[in-house]
Amino acid sequence: MTRAIAVEFTAAGPAEPEEWRDAAVLNNADLWLTVEEFQRVGQELAAVTAAYRRRTRPAGSRQVRVMNVVVARRRARPEPGPPQA
């Protein structure tokens, strides 16, 4: 889904006003996180968008899709555990 949205925006790019094209951000990161950091990242991203969800529509605004996907990657192989006694 995120790829389809990026492709749609990129295809329409020339028709978009320059300031809207320049404001677009496509960001992807693979991070090594502890479970606590993993939870915090999700909470912090939700907090960023929360203030914008509660307000009325400002003049000159457009609907903008902000997507956050914070999921653990599937393990390709088991991670080493503690040494066996």
N, C-alpha and C. Protein backbone atom coordinates (compact mmCIF):
# COMPACT_ATOMS: atom_id res chain seq x y z
N MET A 1 0.82 -1.20 0.00
CA MET A 1 0.00 0.00 0.00
C MET A 1 0.86 1.26 0.00
N THR A 2 1.90 1.31 0.83
CA THR A 2 2.73 2.51 0.87
C THR A 2 3.43 2.74 -0.46
N ARG A 3 3.84 1.66 -1.12
CA ARG A 3 4.49 1.81 -2.43
C ARG A 3 3.51 2.37 -3.45
N ALA A 4 2.28 1.91 -3.44
CA ALA A 4 1.27 2.40 -4.39
C ALA A 4 1.01 3.89 -4.19
N ILE A 5 1.00 4.33 -2.96
CA ILE A 5 0.78 5.76 -2.67
C ILE A 5 1.96 6.58 -3.18
N ALA A 6 3.18 6.09 -2.95
CA ALA A 6 4.37 6.79 -3.42
C ALA A 6 4.39 6.86 -4.95
N VAL A 7 4.04 5.76 -5.61
CA VAL A 7 4.00 5.74 -7.08
C VAL A 7 2.95 6.72 -7.60
N GLU A 8 1.79 6.74 -6.96
CA GLU A 8 0.72 7.67 -7.37
C GLU A 8 1.18 9.12 -7.25
N PHE A 9 1.82 9.46 -6.13
CA PHE A 9 2.29 10.83 -5.94
C PHE A 9 3.37 11.19 -6.94
N THR A 10 4.32 10.27 -7.15
CA THR A 10 5.42 10.53 -8.08
C THR A 10 4.90 10.72 -9.50
N ALA A 11 3.93 9.91 -9.90
CA ALA A 11 3.36 10.03 -11.25
C ALA A 11 2.65 11.37 -11.44
N ALA A 12 2.02 11.86 -10.39
CA ALA A 12 1.30 13.12 -10.48
C ALA A 12 2.20 14.32 -10.23
N GLY A 13 3.46 14.07 -9.86
CA GLY A 13 4.39 15.12 -9.47
C GLY A 13 4.40 16.37 -10.32
N PRO A 14 4.56 16.25 -11.65
CA PRO A 14 4.62 17.46 -12.47
C PRO A 14 3.36 18.33 -12.39
N ALA A 15 2.22 17.71 -12.08
CA ALA A 15 0.97 18.47 -11.98
C ALA A 15 0.81 19.15 -10.62
N GLU A 16 1.63 18.75 -9.66
CA GLU A 16 1.54 19.33 -8.31
C GLU A 16 2.31 20.64 -8.23
N PRO A 17 1.81 21.60 -7.45
CA PRO A 17 2.58 22.84 -7.25
C PRO A 17 3.94 22.52 -6.63
N GLU A 18 4.95 23.29 -7.00
CA GLU A 18 6.32 23.03 -6.56
C GLU A 18 6.44 22.94 -5.05
N GLU A 19 5.76 23.83 -4.31
CA GLU A 19 5.90 23.81 -2.85
C GLU A 19 5.35 22.52 -2.24
N TRP A 20 4.33 21.93 -2.88
CA TRP A 20 3.78 20.66 -2.39
C TRP A 20 4.71 19.50 -2.77
N ARG A 21 5.30 19.55 -3.95
CA ARG A 21 6.28 18.53 -4.34
C ARG A 21 7.48 18.55 -3.39
N ASP A 22 7.98 19.75 -3.09
CA ASP A 22 9.15 19.89 -2.23
C ASP A 22 8.88 19.47 -0.78
N ALA A 23 7.64 19.55 -0.35
CA ALA A 23 7.29 19.20 1.04
C ALA A 23 7.13 17.69 1.24
N ALA A 24 7.00 16.94 0.17
CA ALA A 24 6.79 15.50 0.29
C ALA A 24 8.02 14.80 0.86
N VAL A 25 7.78 13.79 1.68
CA VAL A 25 8.85 13.01 2.30
C VAL A 25 8.51 11.53 2.18
N LEU A 26 9.44 10.77 1.67
CA LEU A 26 9.33 9.31 1.67
C LEU A 26 10.48 8.81 2.52
N ASN A 27 10.17 8.16 3.62
CA ASN A 27 11.18 7.77 4.57
C ASN A 27 11.02 6.30 4.94
N ASN A 28 12.13 5.60 5.01
CA ASN A 28 12.12 4.20 5.38
C ASN A 28 13.40 3.93 6.17
N ALA A 29 13.28 3.19 7.27
CA ALA A 29 14.46 2.89 8.07
C ALA A 29 14.33 1.51 8.70
N ASP A 30 15.39 0.73 8.64
CA ASP A 30 15.48 -0.52 9.38
C ASP A 30 16.34 -0.23 10.61
N LEU A 31 15.76 -0.39 11.78
CA LEU A 31 16.42 -0.04 13.03
C LEU A 31 16.59 -1.26 13.91
N TRP A 32 17.62 -1.28 14.71
CA TRP A 32 17.79 -2.30 15.74
C TRP A 32 17.30 -1.69 17.03
N LEU A 33 16.19 -2.21 17.55
CA LEU A 33 15.56 -1.63 18.74
C LEU A 33 15.28 -2.70 19.79
N THR A 34 15.34 -2.28 21.05
CA THR A 34 14.84 -3.15 22.11
C THR A 34 13.32 -3.06 22.09
N VAL A 35 12.64 -3.93 22.81
CA VAL A 35 11.18 -3.88 22.82
C VAL A 35 10.69 -2.54 23.40
N GLU A 36 11.41 -2.02 24.39
CA GLU A 36 11.02 -0.73 24.97
C GLU A 36 11.16 0.40 23.94
N GLU A 37 12.26 0.39 23.19
CA GLU A 37 12.47 1.40 22.15
C GLU A 37 11.43 1.24 21.04
N PHE A 38 11.14 0.01 20.69
CA PHE A 38 10.13 -0.31 19.68
C PHE A 38 8.79 0.32 20.06
N GLN A 39 8.38 0.14 21.31
CA GLN A 39 7.13 0.73 21.80
C GLN A 39 7.20 2.25 21.77
N ARG A 40 8.33 2.80 22.20
CA ARG A 40 8.48 4.26 22.26
C ARG A 40 8.41 4.89 20.87
N VAL A 41 9.02 4.26 19.87
CA VAL A 41 8.98 4.80 18.50
C VAL A 41 7.53 4.91 18.04
N GLY A 42 6.74 3.85 18.24
CA GLY A 42 5.33 3.89 17.85
C GLY A 42 4.57 4.99 18.57
N GLN A 43 4.82 5.14 19.88
CA GLN A 43 4.14 6.19 20.66
C GLN A 43 4.55 7.58 20.21
N GLU A 44 5.83 7.77 19.92
CA GLU A 44 6.32 9.08 19.49
C GLU A 44 5.77 9.47 18.12
N LEU A 45 5.71 8.51 17.21
CA LEU A 45 5.14 8.81 15.89
C LEU A 45 3.66 9.14 16.01
N ALA A 46 2.93 8.43 16.84
CA ALA A 46 1.51 8.73 17.05
C ALA A 46 1.33 10.12 17.66
N ALA A 47 2.23 10.50 18.57
CA ALA A 47 2.14 11.82 19.21
C ALA A 47 2.35 12.95 18.21
N VAL A 48 3.21 12.73 17.22
CA VAL A 48 3.47 13.77 16.21
C VAL A 48 2.19 14.10 15.45
N THR A 49 1.42 13.09 15.08
CA THR A 49 0.22 13.34 14.28
C THR A 49 -1.00 13.70 15.12
N ALA A 50 -0.99 13.41 16.41
CA ALA A 50 -2.16 13.62 17.27
C ALA A 50 -2.65 15.07 17.25
N ALA A 51 -1.75 16.01 17.35
CA ALA A 51 -2.15 17.42 17.39
C ALA A 51 -2.85 17.86 16.11
N TYR A 52 -2.44 17.31 14.99
CA TYR A 52 -3.04 17.68 13.71
C TYR A 52 -4.41 17.04 13.52
N ARG A 53 -4.65 15.92 14.17
CA ARG A 53 -5.95 15.25 14.07
C ARG A 53 -7.04 16.01 14.81
N ARG A 54 -6.67 16.73 15.84
CA ARG A 54 -7.66 17.39 16.70
C ARG A 54 -8.05 18.79 16.23
N ARG A 55 -7.42 19.31 15.23
CA ARG A 55 -7.70 20.70 14.86
C ARG A 55 -8.67 20.79 13.68
N THR A 56 -9.16 21.99 13.46
CA THR A 56 -10.03 22.23 12.30
C THR A 56 -9.15 22.49 11.09
N ARG A 57 -9.73 22.39 9.93
CA ARG A 57 -8.97 22.53 8.68
C ARG A 57 -8.53 23.98 8.47
N PRO A 58 -7.21 24.22 8.40
CA PRO A 58 -6.71 25.57 8.16
C PRO A 58 -6.90 26.00 6.70
N ALA A 59 -7.00 27.29 6.48
CA ALA A 59 -7.08 27.81 5.12
C ALA A 59 -5.83 27.43 4.36
N GLY A 60 -5.97 27.06 3.10
CA GLY A 60 -4.85 26.71 2.25
C GLY A 60 -4.33 25.30 2.46
N SER A 61 -5.02 24.52 3.28
CA SER A 61 -4.54 23.17 3.57
C SER A 61 -5.06 22.17 2.54
N ARG A 62 -4.38 21.04 2.47
CA ARG A 62 -4.80 19.90 1.66
C ARG A 62 -4.75 18.67 2.55
N GLN A 63 -5.50 17.67 2.18
CA GLN A 63 -5.41 16.42 2.91
C GLN A 63 -4.07 15.76 2.57
N VAL A 64 -3.35 15.37 3.59
CA VAL A 64 -2.03 14.75 3.45
C VAL A 64 -2.06 13.41 4.16
N ARG A 65 -1.59 12.37 3.50
CA ARG A 65 -1.55 11.05 4.13
C ARG A 65 -0.21 10.88 4.84
N VAL A 66 -0.29 10.59 6.12
CA VAL A 66 0.89 10.29 6.92
C VAL A 66 0.75 8.85 7.37
N MET A 67 1.71 8.03 6.98
CA MET A 67 1.63 6.60 7.30
C MET A 67 2.82 6.21 8.16
N ASN A 68 2.54 5.46 9.20
CA ASN A 68 3.60 4.92 10.05
C ASN A 68 3.37 3.42 10.15
N VAL A 69 4.37 2.67 9.81
CA VAL A 69 4.32 1.23 9.98
C VAL A 69 5.50 0.88 10.86
N VAL A 70 5.21 0.48 12.08
CA VAL A 70 6.26 0.13 13.02
C VAL A 70 6.03 -1.32 13.42
N VAL A 71 6.73 -2.21 12.77
CA VAL A 71 6.58 -3.64 13.01
C VAL A 71 7.96 -4.29 13.09
N ALA A 72 8.03 -5.36 13.85
CA ALA A 72 9.28 -6.11 13.91
C ALA A 72 9.42 -6.90 12.61
N ARG A 73 10.63 -6.97 12.10
CA ARG A 73 10.90 -7.74 10.89
C ARG A 73 10.83 -9.22 11.20
N ARG A 74 10.41 -9.99 10.24
CA ARG A 74 10.38 -11.44 10.39
C ARG A 74 11.80 -11.96 10.52
N ARG A 75 12.00 -12.85 11.42
CA ARG A 75 13.34 -13.41 11.63
C ARG A 75 13.66 -14.38 10.51
N ALA A 76 14.80 -14.17 9.87
CA ALA A 76 15.24 -15.06 8.80
C ALA A 76 15.75 -16.37 9.39
N ARG A 77 16.35 -16.28 10.55
CA ARG A 77 16.84 -17.47 11.25
C ARG A 77 16.79 -17.16 12.74
N PRO A 78 16.74 -18.19 13.55
CA PRO A 78 16.67 -17.93 15.00
C PRO A 78 17.86 -17.13 15.49
N GLU A 79 17.60 -16.20 16.37
CA GLU A 79 18.68 -15.43 16.98
C GLU A 79 19.35 -16.28 18.04
N PRO A 80 20.65 -16.12 18.20
CA PRO A 80 21.35 -16.91 19.23
C PRO A 80 20.83 -16.55 20.62
N GLY A 81 20.60 -17.54 21.41
CA GLY A 81 20.15 -17.33 22.78
C GLY A 81 21.30 -17.45 23.74
N PRO A 82 20.98 -17.48 25.02
CA PRO A 82 22.04 -17.61 26.03
C PRO A 82 22.68 -18.99 25.92
N PRO A 83 23.92 -19.11 26.33
CA PRO A 83 24.62 -20.41 26.25
C PRO A 83 23.87 -21.47 27.06
N GLN A 84 23.84 -22.67 26.52
CA GLN A 84 23.22 -23.80 27.20
C GLN A 84 24.15 -24.33 28.29
N ALA A 85 23.59 -24.68 29.44
CA ALA A 85 24.40 -25.20 30.55
C ALA A 85 24.60 -26.68 30.43
